[in-house]
Amino acid sequence: MITAMEKERLYSPMSGYVGLLLSLVLVGVPVALLIVYQMLWMIAVMIIGLFCMIGLMVVNPNESSVLVLFGKYVGTVKKNGFFWVNPFFARKKISLRARNLNSEPIKVNDKIGNPIMIRIVLVWKVDNTFKAAFGVDDYSHFVDVQSEAAIRKLAGHYPYDNFDDEQADITLRSGGEDVNSALEKELQERLDLAGILVHEARISYLAYASEIAGAMLRRQQATAIVAARQKIVEGAVSMVEMALAQLSRKQIISLDEDQKATMVSNLMVVLCSDKDATPVLNAGTLHQ
């Protein structure tokens, strides 16, 4: 747990131009006195001036420098520019730029155990430099590992689709913003230890694993065919009913029950067939 004394705090360094000027004075004046007056003790002052130059540093835009003095955290410089700090400070550069993580597709099991392949796109940046520097060993590697763990946990909470779980309101395939929001929340909770701020997380690839992809495709095709056939039958029944009603109402022809059954059978075959019907001309009566 991060204590009050271990939170990130900003450090205001001295201008680098002032530090450079002082260092040049501490080097230049002893050199002049050493040459003119042979004052050998000025060598020590010159060495101090050279040592002070070590404290000069440059912080680029969207970068930071974490300062540590003999194992004690001093602060973080987030202002960009040319600065001078205590030469004894150990400095660690940490980028504050936004970064993308486009993970490799990994095989996981969904809520009902189906193996699926999933990949995410994550946009993140360092928000707390103290946690990033001292909370974990390598915050970039930490993001990679925890992202994979979050993907596995997310997949275990939702089914791929609702073919096997008809009660599922949210699935990985159709969940959209709900699934992405759950992914962002899970990632933020995991990456907070490293001071990482999650800007966006999205599922960029989702498919069944290769060993069941063929079977699942055939199941989806069968489901689509059944649904289409159901619509075709419903339409055909309505058309036959309408045809019989109009023939009876307009008294175009009088049909007994057997003739009606034959007509209904023929119309259903024509309307429900997945191939074009081949007409047969009857040159005799309806019963020949």
Protein backbone atom coordinates (compact mmCIF):
# COMPACT_ATOMS: atom_id res chain seq x y z
CA MET A 1 0.00 0.00 0.00
CA ILE A 2 1.26 3.50 -0.87
CA THR A 3 1.67 5.57 2.29
CA ALA A 4 1.29 9.34 2.56
CA MET A 5 5.08 9.80 2.51
CA GLU A 6 5.39 7.70 -0.67
CA LYS A 7 2.99 9.53 -2.97
CA GLU A 8 4.14 11.32 -6.08
CA ARG A 9 5.22 14.90 -5.44
CA LEU A 10 6.46 17.52 -7.86
CA TYR A 11 9.97 18.91 -7.57
CA SER A 12 10.90 22.43 -8.75
CA PRO A 13 14.51 22.44 -9.94
CA MET A 14 16.73 25.46 -10.52
CA SER A 15 17.13 26.87 -14.00
CA GLY A 16 19.75 25.02 -15.96
CA TYR A 17 21.18 28.23 -17.37
CA VAL A 18 21.90 29.56 -13.88
CA GLY A 19 23.45 26.23 -12.90
CA LEU A 20 25.56 26.20 -16.05
CA LEU A 21 26.77 29.76 -15.39
CA LEU A 22 27.76 28.94 -11.81
CA SER A 23 29.54 25.79 -12.95
CA LEU A 24 31.48 27.74 -15.59
CA VAL A 25 32.47 30.32 -12.97
CA LEU A 26 33.68 27.59 -10.62
CA VAL A 27 35.74 26.13 -13.45
CA GLY A 28 36.92 29.26 -15.26
CA VAL A 29 38.03 31.39 -12.30
CA PRO A 30 40.21 28.64 -10.74
CA VAL A 31 41.82 27.99 -14.11
CA ALA A 32 42.71 31.69 -14.45
CA LEU A 33 44.06 31.91 -10.90
CA LEU A 34 45.98 28.67 -11.38
CA ILE A 35 47.67 30.03 -14.51
CA VAL A 36 48.39 33.53 -13.20
CA TYR A 37 49.13 32.98 -9.52
CA GLN A 38 50.00 29.27 -9.47
CA MET A 39 47.37 28.69 -6.79
CA LEU A 40 47.32 24.89 -6.82
CA TRP A 41 44.49 24.64 -4.31
CA MET A 42 42.21 26.09 -6.97
CA ILE A 43 42.31 22.67 -8.63
CA ALA A 44 39.89 21.47 -5.94
CA VAL A 45 37.48 24.32 -6.77
CA MET A 46 37.72 23.49 -10.46
CA ILE A 47 36.89 19.85 -9.73
CA ILE A 48 33.84 20.99 -7.75
CA GLY A 49 32.73 23.09 -10.72
CA LEU A 50 33.09 20.14 -13.08
CA PHE A 51 31.14 17.95 -10.65
CA CYS A 52 28.32 20.51 -10.51
CA MET A 53 27.86 20.17 -14.26
CA ILE A 54 26.60 16.63 -13.66
CA GLY A 55 23.44 18.19 -12.20
CA LEU A 56 22.43 19.68 -15.56
CA MET A 57 19.52 17.89 -17.22
CA VAL A 58 16.96 18.32 -19.98
CA VAL A 59 13.31 17.26 -19.62
CA ASN A 60 11.53 16.95 -22.97
CA PRO A 61 7.78 17.56 -23.47
CA ASN A 62 5.61 14.72 -22.10
CA GLU A 63 8.54 13.30 -20.17
CA SER A 64 9.43 13.30 -16.50
CA SER A 65 12.47 12.70 -14.33
CA VAL A 66 12.18 10.87 -11.01
CA LEU A 67 14.80 12.09 -8.50
CA VAL A 68 16.26 9.89 -5.77
CA LEU A 69 18.88 10.92 -3.20
CA PHE A 70 20.74 7.98 -1.63
CA GLY A 71 17.67 5.74 -1.81
CA LYS A 72 15.16 8.40 -0.74
CA TYR A 73 12.53 9.64 -3.17
CA VAL A 74 12.89 13.42 -3.56
CA GLY A 75 10.28 14.24 -6.19
CA THR A 76 9.45 14.23 -9.88
CA VAL A 77 10.20 16.91 -12.44
CA LYS A 78 7.38 17.10 -14.99
CA LYS A 79 8.08 20.57 -16.41
CA ASN A 80 9.92 20.48 -19.70
CA GLY A 81 13.06 22.55 -20.13
CA PHE A 82 16.70 22.89 -19.08
CA PHE A 83 17.32 22.47 -15.33
CA TRP A 84 19.97 21.99 -12.69
CA VAL A 85 19.55 19.68 -9.69
CA ASN A 86 21.76 18.28 -6.97
CA PRO A 87 24.51 16.28 -8.73
CA PHE A 88 24.04 13.51 -6.17
CA PHE A 89 20.47 12.94 -7.32
CA ALA A 90 19.89 9.71 -9.21
CA ARG A 91 17.55 10.40 -12.12
CA LYS A 92 15.17 8.06 -13.93
CA LYS A 93 13.40 9.15 -17.09
CA ILE A 94 9.75 8.13 -17.41
CA SER A 95 7.70 8.94 -20.51
CA LEU A 96 4.27 10.49 -19.99
CA ARG A 97 3.19 9.96 -23.59
CA ALA A 98 0.15 7.86 -24.46
CA ARG A 99 1.02 4.38 -25.70
CA ASN A 100 -0.79 1.68 -27.65
CA LEU A 101 -0.83 -2.01 -26.82
CA ASN A 102 -2.07 -4.20 -29.66
CA SER A 103 -2.00 -7.60 -28.01
CA GLU A 104 -1.44 -10.86 -29.84
CA PRO A 105 -4.51 -13.10 -30.21
CA ILE A 106 -4.63 -15.48 -27.26
CA LYS A 107 -6.72 -18.61 -26.75
CA VAL A 108 -9.09 -18.43 -23.78
CA ASN A 109 -12.30 -20.13 -22.66
CA ASP A 110 -15.54 -18.19 -22.57
CA LYS A 111 -18.16 -18.50 -19.82
CA ILE A 112 -19.47 -21.84 -21.04
CA GLY A 113 -16.06 -23.30 -21.85
CA ASN A 114 -15.80 -22.73 -25.60
CA PRO A 115 -12.20 -22.03 -26.73
CA ILE A 116 -12.02 -18.67 -28.47
CA MET A 117 -9.32 -16.36 -29.84
CA ILE A 118 -9.37 -12.78 -28.59
CA ARG A 119 -7.21 -9.69 -28.97
CA ILE A 120 -7.52 -6.18 -27.53
CA VAL A 121 -6.23 -2.68 -28.25
CA LEU A 122 -5.26 -0.70 -25.14
CA VAL A 123 -4.38 3.00 -24.92
CA TRP A 124 -2.54 3.86 -21.70
CA LYS A 125 -0.09 6.30 -20.15
CA VAL A 126 1.84 6.77 -16.92
CA ASP A 127 -0.16 8.91 -14.49
CA ASN A 128 1.74 8.40 -11.22
CA THR A 129 5.52 8.37 -11.71
CA PHE A 130 6.26 7.19 -8.16
CA LYS A 131 4.19 4.02 -8.62
CA ALA A 132 5.62 3.45 -12.10
CA ALA A 133 9.19 3.79 -10.82
CA PHE A 134 8.93 1.99 -7.49
CA GLY A 135 5.60 0.12 -7.43
CA VAL A 136 6.66 -2.51 -10.00
CA ASP A 137 9.93 -3.67 -11.56
CA ASP A 138 9.05 -2.86 -15.17
CA TYR A 139 5.78 -1.03 -15.73
CA SER A 140 5.70 -1.72 -19.49
CA HIS A 141 6.03 -5.47 -18.93
CA PHE A 142 3.50 -5.18 -16.11
CA VAL A 143 0.97 -3.74 -18.57
CA ASP A 144 1.53 -6.65 -20.98
CA VAL A 145 1.09 -9.34 -18.32
CA GLN A 146 -1.91 -7.77 -16.59
CA SER A 147 -3.63 -7.12 -19.92
CA GLU A 148 -3.52 -10.83 -20.73
CA ALA A 149 -4.84 -11.66 -17.26
CA ALA A 150 -7.69 -9.16 -17.70
CA ILE A 151 -8.61 -10.68 -21.07
CA ARG A 152 -8.82 -14.16 -19.56
CA LYS A 153 -10.99 -12.94 -16.69
CA LEU A 154 -13.30 -10.98 -19.00
CA ALA A 155 -13.78 -13.97 -21.31
CA GLY A 156 -14.71 -16.13 -18.33
CA HIS A 157 -17.56 -13.77 -17.41
CA TYR A 158 -19.37 -13.72 -20.77
CA PRO A 159 -20.27 -16.33 -23.41
CA TYR A 160 -19.08 -15.85 -26.97
CA ASP A 161 -22.71 -15.70 -28.14
CA ASN A 162 -26.11 -16.77 -26.84
CA PHE A 163 -26.50 -19.96 -28.90
CA ASP A 164 -25.63 -22.09 -25.87
CA ASP A 165 -26.70 -19.54 -23.26
CA GLU A 166 -30.02 -18.07 -24.37
CA GLN A 167 -30.43 -16.28 -21.04
CA ALA A 168 -27.29 -14.21 -21.57
CA ASP A 169 -28.13 -10.54 -22.04
CA ILE A 170 -24.51 -9.58 -22.78
CA THR A 171 -22.14 -11.61 -24.94
CA LEU A 172 -18.60 -11.00 -26.15
CA ARG A 173 -19.76 -10.77 -29.76
CA SER A 174 -22.71 -8.43 -29.24
CA GLY A 175 -21.92 -6.79 -25.90
CA GLY A 176 -20.28 -3.76 -27.51
CA GLU A 177 -19.76 -0.88 -25.08
CA ASP A 178 -20.84 -2.93 -22.06
CA VAL A 179 -18.06 -5.46 -22.62
CA ASN A 180 -15.50 -2.75 -23.41
CA SER A 181 -16.44 -0.82 -20.28
CA ALA A 182 -16.02 -3.95 -18.18
CA LEU A 183 -12.62 -4.50 -19.81
CA GLU A 184 -11.51 -0.92 -19.10
CA LYS A 185 -12.61 -1.19 -15.46
CA GLU A 186 -10.80 -4.49 -14.96
CA LEU A 187 -7.61 -3.15 -16.57
CA GLN A 188 -7.68 0.07 -14.55
CA GLU A 189 -8.00 -1.84 -11.27
CA ARG A 190 -5.06 -4.06 -12.19
CA LEU A 191 -2.79 -1.31 -13.56
CA ASP A 192 -3.40 1.19 -10.77
CA LEU A 193 -0.60 -0.51 -8.80
CA ALA A 194 1.86 0.71 -11.45
CA GLY A 195 0.38 4.22 -11.69
CA ILE A 196 -1.05 3.56 -15.16
CA LEU A 197 -4.09 5.41 -16.48
CA VAL A 198 -6.23 3.50 -19.01
CA HIS A 199 -7.63 5.82 -21.68
CA GLU A 200 -9.39 3.19 -23.79
CA ALA A 201 -9.61 -0.58 -24.15
CA ARG A 202 -11.41 -2.35 -26.99
CA ILE A 203 -11.74 -5.90 -28.29
CA SER A 204 -10.20 -5.77 -31.76
CA TYR A 205 -10.42 -9.45 -32.73
CA LEU A 206 -12.82 -12.19 -31.65
CA ALA A 207 -13.31 -15.64 -33.17
CA TYR A 208 -13.77 -19.26 -32.24
CA ALA A 209 -10.56 -21.28 -31.89
CA SER A 210 -9.58 -23.26 -34.98
CA GLU A 211 -10.51 -26.66 -33.49
CA ILE A 212 -14.20 -25.71 -33.16
CA ALA A 213 -14.50 -22.94 -35.74
CA GLY A 214 -15.83 -25.30 -38.46
CA ALA A 215 -18.44 -26.86 -36.21
CA MET A 216 -19.58 -23.48 -34.90
CA LEU A 217 -19.85 -22.13 -38.45
CA ARG A 218 -22.05 -25.04 -39.48
CA ARG A 219 -24.20 -24.49 -36.39
CA GLN A 220 -24.63 -20.82 -37.24
CA GLN A 221 -25.48 -21.70 -40.83
CA ALA A 222 -28.03 -24.29 -39.66
CA THR A 223 -29.58 -21.75 -37.31
CA ALA A 224 -29.83 -19.22 -40.12
CA ILE A 225 -31.39 -21.81 -42.45
CA VAL A 226 -33.96 -22.83 -39.84
CA ALA A 227 -34.86 -19.19 -39.21
CA ALA A 228 -35.19 -18.54 -42.96
CA ARG A 229 -37.31 -21.68 -43.46
CA GLN A 230 -39.58 -20.62 -40.64
CA LYS A 231 -40.22 -17.28 -42.33
CA ILE A 232 -40.78 -19.01 -45.68
CA VAL A 233 -43.33 -21.42 -44.19
CA GLU A 234 -45.16 -18.62 -42.40
CA GLY A 235 -45.37 -16.67 -45.67
CA ALA A 236 -46.44 -19.72 -47.66
CA VAL A 237 -49.25 -20.57 -45.23
CA SER A 238 -50.51 -16.99 -45.43
CA MET A 239 -50.46 -17.06 -49.24
CA VAL A 240 -52.30 -20.41 -49.43
CA GLU A 241 -54.90 -19.20 -46.96
CA MET A 242 -55.39 -16.02 -48.96
CA ALA A 243 -55.68 -17.97 -52.24
CA LEU A 244 -58.33 -20.31 -50.86
CA ALA A 245 -60.27 -17.43 -49.32
CA GLN A 246 -60.32 -15.44 -52.57
CA LEU A 247 -61.31 -18.47 -54.67
CA SER A 248 -64.20 -19.14 -52.31
CA ARG A 249 -65.27 -15.50 -52.04
CA LYS A 250 -65.20 -14.80 -55.79
CA GLN A 251 -66.68 -18.24 -56.59
CA ILE A 252 -64.15 -18.81 -59.33
CA ILE A 253 -64.14 -22.57 -58.77
CA SER A 254 -65.77 -24.94 -56.32
CA LEU A 255 -63.39 -27.36 -54.63
CA ASP A 256 -64.16 -30.24 -52.35
CA GLU A 257 -61.95 -31.14 -49.40
CA ASP A 258 -59.75 -33.52 -51.38
CA GLN A 259 -59.19 -30.94 -54.09
CA LYS A 260 -58.38 -28.31 -51.50
CA ALA A 261 -55.87 -30.64 -49.88
CA THR A 262 -54.24 -31.30 -53.26
CA MET A 263 -54.08 -27.58 -54.04
CA VAL A 264 -52.63 -26.76 -50.63
CA SER A 265 -50.01 -29.49 -51.03
CA ASN A 266 -48.99 -28.27 -54.49
CA LEU A 267 -48.83 -24.60 -53.41
CA MET A 268 -46.76 -25.42 -50.31
CA VAL A 269 -44.30 -27.42 -52.41
CA VAL A 270 -43.93 -24.56 -54.91
CA LEU A 271 -43.65 -21.82 -52.30
CA CYS A 272 -41.36 -23.62 -49.86
CA SER A 273 -39.02 -25.30 -52.33
CA ASP A 274 -35.47 -23.94 -52.58
CA LYS A 275 -35.52 -24.67 -56.33
CA ASP A 276 -37.68 -23.38 -59.14
CA ALA A 277 -40.84 -25.47 -59.68
CA THR A 278 -41.22 -27.38 -62.97
CA PRO A 279 -44.79 -26.94 -64.29
CA VAL A 280 -46.73 -29.96 -65.59
CA LEU A 281 -49.57 -29.34 -68.05
CA ASN A 282 -52.68 -31.47 -67.52
CA ALA A 283 -54.58 -31.96 -70.80
CA GLY A 284 -57.41 -33.89 -69.17
CA THR A 285 -59.55 -33.30 -66.09
CA LEU A 286 -58.29 -32.42 -62.63
CA HIS A 287 -58.46 -36.13 -61.66
CA GLN A 288 -56.40 -37.41 -64.61
